[in-house]
Amino acid sequence: MEINNLLKNEITQPAENIETVVVKYPKKKTVEGLVSESQTEPFRVQISQRDVKDPEEKFHDIDFENALEVAIYYFDGKISVHADSNYTS
């Protein structure tokens, strides 16, 4: 999926603004969690998965190259969805 400035600005907001991030990958794989770490150069976002107990699986680096959709849910009720241009849900 394309990483544009809007996506970068939204997903790197202070973590207290974002309730959860849901990433959809091919083969119906979905990863959901809280932003635990982000950096702009090189651009990288890691999420902490809520329901995963195994420490080795708990943190997930978003693979934007393979992601089909990234949905950002905010505490104020706003939802922002970024999708690959070839993806239809």
PDB file of N, CA and C in Angstrom:
ATOM      1  N   MET A   1       0.837  -1.164   0.000  1.00  0.00           N
ATOM      2  CA  MET A   1       0.000   0.000   0.000  1.00  0.00           C
ATOM      3  C   MET A   1       0.883   1.229   0.000  1.00  0.00           C
ATOM      4  N   GLU A   2       0.377   2.295  -0.558  1.00  0.00           N
ATOM      5  CA  GLU A   2       1.123   3.542  -0.627  1.00  0.00           C
ATOM      6  C   GLU A   2       1.126   4.236   0.739  1.00  0.00           C
ATOM      7  N   ILE A   3       2.299   4.685   1.140  1.00  0.00           N
ATOM      8  CA  ILE A   3       2.416   5.444   2.386  1.00  0.00           C
ATOM      9  C   ILE A   3       2.426   6.922   2.002  1.00  0.00           C
ATOM     10  N   ASN A   4       1.314   7.599   2.250  1.00  0.00           N
ATOM     11  CA  ASN A   4       1.250   9.022   1.921  1.00  0.00           C
ATOM     12  C   ASN A   4       1.385   9.861   3.189  1.00  0.00           C
ATOM     13  N   ASN A   5       1.472  11.161   3.014  1.00  0.00           N
ATOM     14  CA  ASN A   5       1.678  12.054   4.158  1.00  0.00           C
ATOM     15  C   ASN A   5       0.509  12.030   5.133  1.00  0.00           C
ATOM     16  N   LEU A   6      -0.716  11.885   4.636  1.00  0.00           N
ATOM     17  CA  LEU A   6      -1.876  11.832   5.517  1.00  0.00           C
ATOM     18  C   LEU A   6      -1.779  10.631   6.454  1.00  0.00           C
ATOM     19  N   LEU A   7      -1.454   9.463   5.898  1.00  0.00           N
ATOM     20  CA  LEU A   7      -1.293   8.260   6.727  1.00  0.00           C
ATOM     21  C   LEU A   7      -0.185   8.473   7.755  1.00  0.00           C
ATOM     22  N   LYS A   8       0.953   8.989   7.320  1.00  0.00           N
ATOM     23  CA  LYS A   8       2.067   9.232   8.245  1.00  0.00           C
ATOM     24  C   LYS A   8       1.648  10.160   9.381  1.00  0.00           C
ATOM     25  N   ASN A   9       0.972  11.254   9.036  1.00  0.00           N
ATOM     26  CA  ASN A   9       0.558  12.229  10.055  1.00  0.00           C
ATOM     27  C   ASN A   9      -0.443  11.628  11.033  1.00  0.00           C
ATOM     28  N   GLU A  10      -1.376  10.853  10.526  1.00  0.00           N
ATOM     29  CA  GLU A  10      -2.408  10.288  11.399  1.00  0.00           C
ATOM     30  C   GLU A  10      -1.870   9.198  12.322  1.00  0.00           C
ATOM     31  N   ILE A  11      -1.076   8.304  11.793  1.00  0.00           N
ATOM     32  CA  ILE A  11      -0.648   7.146  12.590  1.00  0.00           C
ATOM     33  C   ILE A  11       0.485   7.494  13.559  1.00  0.00           C
ATOM     34  N   THR A  12       1.140   8.630  13.339  1.00  0.00           N
ATOM     35  CA  THR A  12       2.207   9.031  14.258  1.00  0.00           C
ATOM     36  C   THR A  12       1.736  10.095  15.256  1.00  0.00           C
ATOM     37  N   GLN A  13       0.425  10.316  15.341  1.00  0.00           N
ATOM     38  CA  GLN A  13      -0.117  11.222  16.358  1.00  0.00           C
ATOM     39  C   GLN A  13       0.184  10.658  17.739  1.00  0.00           C
ATOM     40  N   PRO A  14       0.084  11.497  18.769  1.00  0.00           N
ATOM     41  CA  PRO A  14       0.284  10.972  20.128  1.00  0.00           C
ATOM     42  C   PRO A  14      -0.626   9.773  20.397  1.00  0.00           C
ATOM     43  N   ALA A  15      -0.078   8.737  20.995  1.00  0.00           N
ATOM     44  CA  ALA A  15      -0.798   7.477  21.209  1.00  0.00           C
ATOM     45  C   ALA A  15      -2.083   7.670  22.005  1.00  0.00           C
ATOM     46  N   GLU A  16      -2.140   8.691  22.858  1.00  0.00           N
ATOM     47  CA  GLU A  16      -3.352   8.887  23.653  1.00  0.00           C
ATOM     48  C   GLU A  16      -4.543   9.346  22.811  1.00  0.00           C
ATOM     49  N   ASN A  17      -4.306   9.761  21.552  1.00  0.00           N
ATOM     50  CA  ASN A  17      -5.407  10.129  20.651  1.00  0.00           C
ATOM     51  C   ASN A  17      -5.989   8.914  19.936  1.00  0.00           C
ATOM     52  N   ILE A  18      -5.179   7.873  19.759  1.00  0.00           N
ATOM     53  CA  ILE A  18      -5.575   6.702  18.958  1.00  0.00           C
ATOM     54  C   ILE A  18      -6.015   5.570  19.887  1.00  0.00           C
ATOM     55  N   GLU A  19      -7.221   5.084  19.649  1.00  0.00           N
ATOM     56  CA  GLU A  19      -7.753   3.985  20.456  1.00  0.00           C
ATOM     57  C   GLU A  19      -7.183   2.650  19.997  1.00  0.00           C
ATOM     58  N   THR A  20      -7.220   2.419  18.687  1.00  0.00           N
ATOM     59  CA  THR A  20      -6.697   1.160  18.156  1.00  0.00           C
ATOM     60  C   THR A  20      -6.379   1.305  16.670  1.00  0.00           C
ATOM     61  N   VAL A  21      -5.515   0.423  16.180  1.00  0.00           N
ATOM     62  CA  VAL A  21      -5.166   0.361  14.763  1.00  0.00           C
ATOM     63  C   VAL A  21      -5.448  -1.066  14.298  1.00  0.00           C
ATOM     64  N   VAL A  22      -6.131  -1.192  13.165  1.00  0.00           N
ATOM     65  CA  VAL A  22      -6.426  -2.505  12.593  1.00  0.00           C
ATOM     66  C   VAL A  22      -5.777  -2.567  11.213  1.00  0.00           C
ATOM     67  N   VAL A  23      -4.947  -3.590  11.011  1.00  0.00           N
ATOM     68  CA  VAL A  23      -4.255  -3.761   9.734  1.00  0.00           C
ATOM     69  C   VAL A  23      -4.736  -5.054   9.094  1.00  0.00           C
ATOM     70  N   LYS A  24      -5.193  -4.959   7.850  1.00  0.00           N
ATOM     71  CA  LYS A  24      -5.623  -6.146   7.097  1.00  0.00           C
ATOM     72  C   LYS A  24      -4.555  -6.496   6.073  1.00  0.00           C
ATOM     73  N   TYR A  25      -4.225  -7.786   6.043  1.00  0.00           N
ATOM     74  CA  TYR A  25      -3.250  -8.328   5.110  1.00  0.00           C
ATOM     75  C   TYR A  25      -3.940  -9.351   4.206  1.00  0.00           C
ATOM     76  N   PRO A  26      -3.252  -9.811   3.163  1.00  0.00           N
ATOM     77  CA  PRO A  26      -3.824 -10.872   2.324  1.00  0.00           C
ATOM     78  C   PRO A  26      -4.141 -12.130   3.136  1.00  0.00           C
ATOM     79  N   LYS A  27      -4.961 -12.966   2.592  1.00  0.00           N
ATOM     80  CA  LYS A  27      -5.382 -14.237   3.194  1.00  0.00           C
ATOM     81  C   LYS A  27      -6.124 -14.028   4.506  1.00  0.00           C
ATOM     82  N   LYS A  28      -6.848 -12.894   4.602  1.00  0.00           N
ATOM     83  CA  LYS A  28      -7.711 -12.569   5.732  1.00  0.00           C
ATOM     84  C   LYS A  28      -6.976 -12.451   7.066  1.00  0.00           C
ATOM     85  N   LYS A  29      -5.681 -12.222   7.019  1.00  0.00           N
ATOM     86  CA  LYS A  29      -4.925 -11.996   8.259  1.00  0.00           C
ATOM     87  C   LYS A  29      -5.190 -10.562   8.726  1.00  0.00           C
ATOM     88  N   THR A  30      -5.543 -10.422   9.991  1.00  0.00           N
ATOM     89  CA  THR A  30      -5.805  -9.108  10.581  1.00  0.00           C
ATOM     90  C   THR A  30      -5.016  -8.973  11.874  1.00  0.00           C
ATOM     91  N   VAL A  31      -4.377  -7.826  12.049  1.00  0.00           N
ATOM     92  CA  VAL A  31      -3.633  -7.535  13.262  1.00  0.00           C
ATOM     93  C   VAL A  31      -4.231  -6.266  13.862  1.00  0.00           C
ATOM     94  N   GLU A  32      -4.505  -6.310  15.164  1.00  0.00           N
ATOM     95  CA  GLU A  32      -5.145  -5.184  15.831  1.00  0.00           C
ATOM     96  C   GLU A  32      -4.408  -4.864  17.123  1.00  0.00           C
ATOM     97  N   GLY A  33      -4.244  -3.578  17.391  1.00  0.00           N
ATOM     98  CA  GLY A  33      -3.589  -3.208  18.635  1.00  0.00           C
ATOM     99  C   GLY A  33      -3.389  -1.718  18.772  1.00  0.00           C
ATOM    100  N   LEU A  34      -2.560  -1.365  19.735  1.00  0.00           N
ATOM    101  CA  LEU A  34      -2.249   0.027  20.042  1.00  0.00           C
ATOM    102  C   LEU A  34      -0.898   0.391  19.457  1.00  0.00           C
ATOM    103  N   VAL A  35      -0.738   1.635  19.033  1.00  0.00           N
ATOM    104  CA  VAL A  35       0.573   2.069  18.550  1.00  0.00           C
ATOM    105  C   VAL A  35       1.526   2.080  19.744  1.00  0.00           C
ATOM    106  N   SER A  36       2.592   1.307  19.653  1.00  0.00           N
ATOM    107  CA  SER A  36       3.548   1.255  20.755  1.00  0.00           C
ATOM    108  C   SER A  36       4.820   2.029  20.426  1.00  0.00           C
ATOM    109  N   GLU A  37       5.098   2.162  19.128  1.00  0.00           N
ATOM    110  CA  GLU A  37       6.311   2.867  18.724  1.00  0.00           C
ATOM    111  C   GLU A  37       6.161   3.312  17.275  1.00  0.00           C
ATOM    112  N   SER A  38       6.663   4.503  16.967  1.00  0.00           N
ATOM    113  CA  SER A  38       6.675   4.953  15.578  1.00  0.00           C
ATOM    114  C   SER A  38       7.898   5.825  15.350  1.00  0.00           C
ATOM    115  N   GLN A  39       8.366   5.819  14.119  1.00  0.00           N
ATOM    116  CA  GLN A  39       9.476   6.682  13.740  1.00  0.00           C
ATOM    117  C   GLN A  39       9.241   7.135  12.310  1.00  0.00           C
ATOM    118  N   THR A  40       9.769   8.304  11.981  1.00  0.00           N
ATOM    119  CA  THR A  40       9.508   8.855  10.653  1.00  0.00           C
ATOM    120  C   THR A  40      10.589   8.524   9.628  1.00  0.00           C
ATOM    121  N   GLU A  41      11.836   8.403  10.046  1.00  0.00           N
ATOM    122  CA  GLU A  41      12.920   8.095   9.108  1.00  0.00           C
ATOM    123  C   GLU A  41      13.805   6.986   9.645  1.00  0.00           C
ATOM    124  N   PRO A  42      13.806   5.829   9.054  1.00  0.00           N
ATOM    125  CA  PRO A  42      12.846   5.376   8.052  1.00  0.00           C
ATOM    126  C   PRO A  42      11.477   5.189   8.702  1.00  0.00           C
ATOM    127  N   PHE A  43      10.439   5.333   7.896  1.00  0.00           N
ATOM    128  CA  PHE A  43       9.085   5.251   8.429  1.00  0.00           C
ATOM    129  C   PHE A  43       8.799   3.839   8.921  1.00  0.00           C
ATOM    130  N   ARG A  44       8.349   3.755  10.181  1.00  0.00           N
ATOM    131  CA  ARG A  44       8.114   2.461  10.817  1.00  0.00           C
ATOM    132  C   ARG A  44       7.087   2.654  11.923  1.00  0.00           C
ATOM    133  N   VAL A  45       6.141   1.721  12.019  1.00  0.00           N
ATOM    134  CA  VAL A  45       5.146   1.763  13.085  1.00  0.00           C
ATOM    135  C   VAL A  45       5.019   0.362  13.674  1.00  0.00           C
ATOM    136  N   GLN A  46       5.051   0.294  14.996  1.00  0.00           N
ATOM    137  CA  GLN A  46       4.896  -0.978  15.695  1.00  0.00           C
ATOM    138  C   GLN A  46       3.635  -0.887  16.546  1.00  0.00           C
ATOM    139  N   ILE A  47       2.849  -1.955  16.525  1.00  0.00           N
ATOM    140  CA  ILE A  47       1.663  -1.988  17.365  1.00  0.00           C
ATOM    141  C   ILE A  47       1.766  -3.126  18.373  1.00  0.00           C
ATOM    142  N   SER A  48       1.168  -2.900  19.524  1.00  0.00           N
ATOM    143  CA  SER A  48       1.107  -3.888  20.590  1.00  0.00           C
ATOM    144  C   SER A  48      -0.270  -4.534  20.531  1.00  0.00           C
ATOM    145  N   GLN A  49      -0.280  -5.837  20.292  1.00  0.00           N
ATOM    146  CA  GLN A  49      -1.546  -6.559  20.159  1.00  0.00           C
ATOM    147  C   GLN A  49      -2.111  -6.873  21.539  1.00  0.00           C
ATOM    148  N   ARG A  50      -3.346  -6.500  21.760  1.00  0.00           N
ATOM    149  CA  ARG A  50      -3.978  -6.623  23.080  1.00  0.00           C
ATOM    150  C   ARG A  50      -4.130  -8.062  23.568  1.00  0.00           C
ATOM    151  N   ASP A  51      -4.594  -8.929  22.719  1.00  0.00           N
ATOM    152  CA  ASP A  51      -4.960 -10.281  23.151  1.00  0.00           C
ATOM    153  C   ASP A  51      -3.845 -11.304  23.014  1.00  0.00           C
ATOM    154  N   VAL A  52      -2.651 -10.875  22.691  1.00  0.00           N
ATOM    155  CA  VAL A  52      -1.541 -11.800  22.492  1.00  0.00           C
ATOM    156  C   VAL A  52      -0.687 -11.824  23.759  1.00  0.00           C
ATOM    157  N   LYS A  53      -0.517 -13.001  24.312  1.00  0.00           N
ATOM    158  CA  LYS A  53       0.247 -13.150  25.565  1.00  0.00           C
ATOM    159  C   LYS A  53       1.734 -13.411  25.322  1.00  0.00           C
ATOM    160  N   ASP A  54       2.058 -14.125  24.231  1.00  0.00           N
ATOM    161  CA  ASP A  54       3.441 -14.478  23.931  1.00  0.00           C
ATOM    162  C   ASP A  54       4.257 -13.215  23.633  1.00  0.00           C
ATOM    163  N   PRO A  55       5.290 -12.932  24.440  1.00  0.00           N
ATOM    164  CA  PRO A  55       6.081 -11.711  24.247  1.00  0.00           C
ATOM    165  C   PRO A  55       6.711 -11.598  22.858  1.00  0.00           C
ATOM    166  N   GLU A  56       7.021 -12.729  22.245  1.00  0.00           N
ATOM    167  CA  GLU A  56       7.633 -12.698  20.919  1.00  0.00           C
ATOM    168  C   GLU A  56       6.626 -12.342  19.833  1.00  0.00           C
ATOM    169  N   GLU A  57       5.337 -12.546  20.100  1.00  0.00           N
ATOM    170  CA  GLU A  57       4.285 -12.257  19.131  1.00  0.00           C
ATOM    171  C   GLU A  57       3.513 -10.978  19.472  1.00  0.00           C
ATOM    172  N   LYS A  58       3.744 -10.441  20.656  1.00  0.00           N
ATOM    173  CA  LYS A  58       2.967  -9.299  21.169  1.00  0.00           C
ATOM    174  C   LYS A  58       3.102  -8.047  20.298  1.00  0.00           C
ATOM    175  N   PHE A  59       4.311  -7.760  19.842  1.00  0.00           N
ATOM    176  CA  PHE A  59       4.563  -6.550  19.066  1.00  0.00           C
ATOM    177  C   PHE A  59       4.654  -6.878  17.586  1.00  0.00           C
ATOM    178  N   HIS A  60       4.032  -6.037  16.776  1.00  0.00           N
ATOM    179  CA  HIS A  60       3.958  -6.278  15.331  1.00  0.00           C
ATOM    180  C   HIS A  60       4.375  -5.011  14.583  1.00  0.00           C
ATOM    181  N   ASP A  61       5.389  -5.135  13.745  1.00  0.00           N
ATOM    182  CA  ASP A  61       5.768  -4.027  12.860  1.00  0.00           C
ATOM    183  C   ASP A  61       4.836  -4.066  11.656  1.00  0.00           C
ATOM    184  N   ILE A  62       4.145  -2.977  11.408  1.00  0.00           N
ATOM    185  CA  ILE A  62       3.221  -2.949  10.269  1.00  0.00           C
ATOM    186  C   ILE A  62       4.021  -3.070   8.984  1.00  0.00           C
ATOM    187  N   ASP A  63       3.647  -4.035   8.162  1.00  0.00           N
ATOM    188  CA  ASP A  63       4.277  -4.265   6.870  1.00  0.00           C
ATOM    189  C   ASP A  63       3.449  -3.520   5.815  1.00  0.00           C
ATOM    190  N   PHE A  64       3.761  -2.249   5.623  1.00  0.00           N
ATOM    191  CA  PHE A  64       2.973  -1.423   4.716  1.00  0.00           C
ATOM    192  C   PHE A  64       3.048  -1.912   3.281  1.00  0.00           C
ATOM    193  N   GLU A  65       4.134  -2.582   2.930  1.00  0.00           N
ATOM    194  CA  GLU A  65       4.280  -3.085   1.568  1.00  0.00           C
ATOM    195  C   GLU A  65       3.226  -4.146   1.255  1.00  0.00           C
ATOM    196  N   ASN A  66       2.871  -4.958   2.251  1.00  0.00           N
ATOM    197  CA  ASN A  66       1.895  -6.025   2.046  1.00  0.00           C
ATOM    198  C   ASN A  66       0.509  -5.719   2.608  1.00  0.00           C
ATOM    199  N   ALA A  67       0.382  -4.660   3.394  1.00  0.00           N
ATOM    200  CA  ALA A  67      -0.911  -4.324   3.997  1.00  0.00           C
ATOM    201  C   ALA A  67      -1.916  -3.943   2.912  1.00  0.00           C
ATOM    202  N   LEU A  68      -3.145  -4.413   3.092  1.00  0.00           N
ATOM    203  CA  LEU A  68      -4.226  -4.056   2.183  1.00  0.00           C
ATOM    204  C   LEU A  68      -4.994  -2.850   2.702  1.00  0.00           C
ATOM    205  N   GLU A  69      -5.089  -2.761   4.029  1.00  0.00           N
ATOM    206  CA  GLU A  69      -5.860  -1.682   4.634  1.00  0.00           C
ATOM    207  C   GLU A  69      -5.348  -1.398   6.036  1.00  0.00           C
ATOM    208  N   VAL A  70      -5.307  -0.120   6.398  1.00  0.00           N
ATOM    209  CA  VAL A  70      -4.970   0.303   7.749  1.00  0.00           C
ATOM    210  C   VAL A  70      -6.097   1.208   8.223  1.00  0.00           C
ATOM    211  N   ALA A  71      -6.753   0.803   9.310  1.00  0.00           N
ATOM    212  CA  ALA A  71      -7.833   1.600   9.885  1.00  0.00           C
ATOM    213  C   ALA A  71      -7.376   2.121  11.239  1.00  0.00           C
ATOM    214  N   ILE A  72      -7.550   3.424  11.436  1.00  0.00           N
ATOM    215  CA  ILE A  72      -7.148   4.065  12.681  1.00  0.00           C
ATOM    216  C   ILE A  72      -8.413   4.537  13.391  1.00  0.00           C
ATOM    217  N   TYR A  73      -8.633   4.034  14.597  1.00  0.00           N
ATOM    218  CA  TYR A  73      -9.810   4.391  15.392  1.00  0.00           C
ATOM    219  C   TYR A  73      -9.363   5.335  16.507  1.00  0.00           C
ATOM    220  N   TYR A  74     -10.030   6.474  16.595  1.00  0.00           N
ATOM    221  CA  TYR A  74      -9.689   7.494  17.585  1.00  0.00           C
ATOM    222  C   TYR A  74     -10.674   7.454  18.748  1.00  0.00           C
ATOM    223  N   PHE A  75     -10.228   7.937  19.893  1.00  0.00           N
ATOM    224  CA  PHE A  75     -11.083   7.978  21.080  1.00  0.00           C
ATOM    225  C   PHE A  75     -12.284   8.905  20.893  1.00  0.00           C
ATOM    226  N   ASP A  76     -12.164   9.898  20.021  1.00  0.00           N
ATOM    227  CA  ASP A  76     -13.283  10.826  19.814  1.00  0.00           C
ATOM    228  C   ASP A  76     -14.334  10.281  18.846  1.00  0.00           C
ATOM    229  N   GLY A  77     -14.170   9.017  18.402  1.00  0.00           N
ATOM    230  CA  GLY A  77     -15.141   8.386  17.521  1.00  0.00           C
ATOM    231  C   GLY A  77     -14.783   8.445  16.045  1.00  0.00           C
ATOM    232  N   LYS A  78     -13.792   9.229  15.680  1.00  0.00           N
ATOM    233  CA  LYS A  78     -13.361   9.341  14.293  1.00  0.00           C
ATOM    234  C   LYS A  78     -12.687   8.039  13.860  1.00  0.00           C
ATOM    235  N   ILE A  79     -12.912   7.667  12.614  1.00  0.00           N
ATOM    236  CA  ILE A  79     -12.258   6.498  12.027  1.00  0.00           C
ATOM    237  C   ILE A  79     -11.626   6.942  10.715  1.00  0.00           C
ATOM    238  N   SER A  80     -10.372   6.602  10.517  1.00  0.00           N
ATOM    239  CA  SER A  80      -9.666   6.922   9.284  1.00  0.00           C
ATOM    240  C   SER A  80      -9.180   5.623   8.661  1.00  0.00           C
ATOM    241  N   VAL A  81      -9.579   5.381   7.409  1.00  0.00           N
ATOM    242  CA  VAL A  81      -9.212   4.142   6.739  1.00  0.00           C
ATOM    243  C   VAL A  81      -8.346   4.462   5.524  1.00  0.00           C
ATOM    244  N   HIS A  82      -7.209   3.794   5.445  1.00  0.00           N
ATOM    245  CA  HIS A  82      -6.292   3.923   4.314  1.00  0.00           C
ATOM    246  C   HIS A  82      -6.196   2.550   3.671  1.00  0.00           C
ATOM    247  N   ALA A  83      -6.463   2.485   2.366  1.00  0.00           N
ATOM    248  CA  ALA A  83      -6.471   1.189   1.685  1.00  0.00           C
ATOM    249  C   ALA A  83      -5.577   1.212   0.460  1.00  0.00           C
ATOM    250  N   ASP A  84      -5.054   0.045   0.126  1.00  0.00           N
ATOM    251  CA  ASP A  84      -4.300  -0.135  -1.096  1.00  0.00           C
ATOM    252  C   ASP A  84      -5.239   0.157  -2.264  1.00  0.00           C
ATOM    253  N   SER A  85      -4.748   0.827  -3.287  1.00  0.00           N
ATOM    254  CA  SER A  85      -5.608   1.216  -4.401  1.00  0.00           C
ATOM    255  C   SER A  85      -6.191   0.016  -5.146  1.00  0.00           C
ATOM    256  N   ASN A  86      -5.592  -1.166  -5.004  1.00  0.00           N
ATOM    257  CA  ASN A  86      -6.099  -2.369  -5.667  1.00  0.00           C
ATOM    258  C   ASN A  86      -6.985  -3.221  -4.783  1.00  0.00           C
ATOM    259  N   TYR A  87      -7.219  -2.765  -3.541  1.00  0.00           N
ATOM    260  CA  TYR A  87      -7.970  -3.568  -2.569  1.00  0.00           C
ATOM    261  C   TYR A  87      -9.417  -3.104  -2.480  1.00  0.00           C
ATOM    262  N   THR A  88     -10.330  -4.069  -2.506  1.00  0.00           N
ATOM    263  CA  THR A  88     -11.738  -3.794  -2.244  1.00  0.00           C
ATOM    264  C   THR A  88     -12.189  -4.752  -1.166  1.00  0.00           C
ATOM    265  N   SER A  89     -12.729  -4.219  -0.085  1.00  0.00           N
ATOM    266  CA  SER A  89     -13.109  -5.062   1.050  1.00  0.00           C
ATOM    267  C   SER A  89     -14.396  -5.799   0.818  1.00  0.00           C
TER     268      SER A  89
END
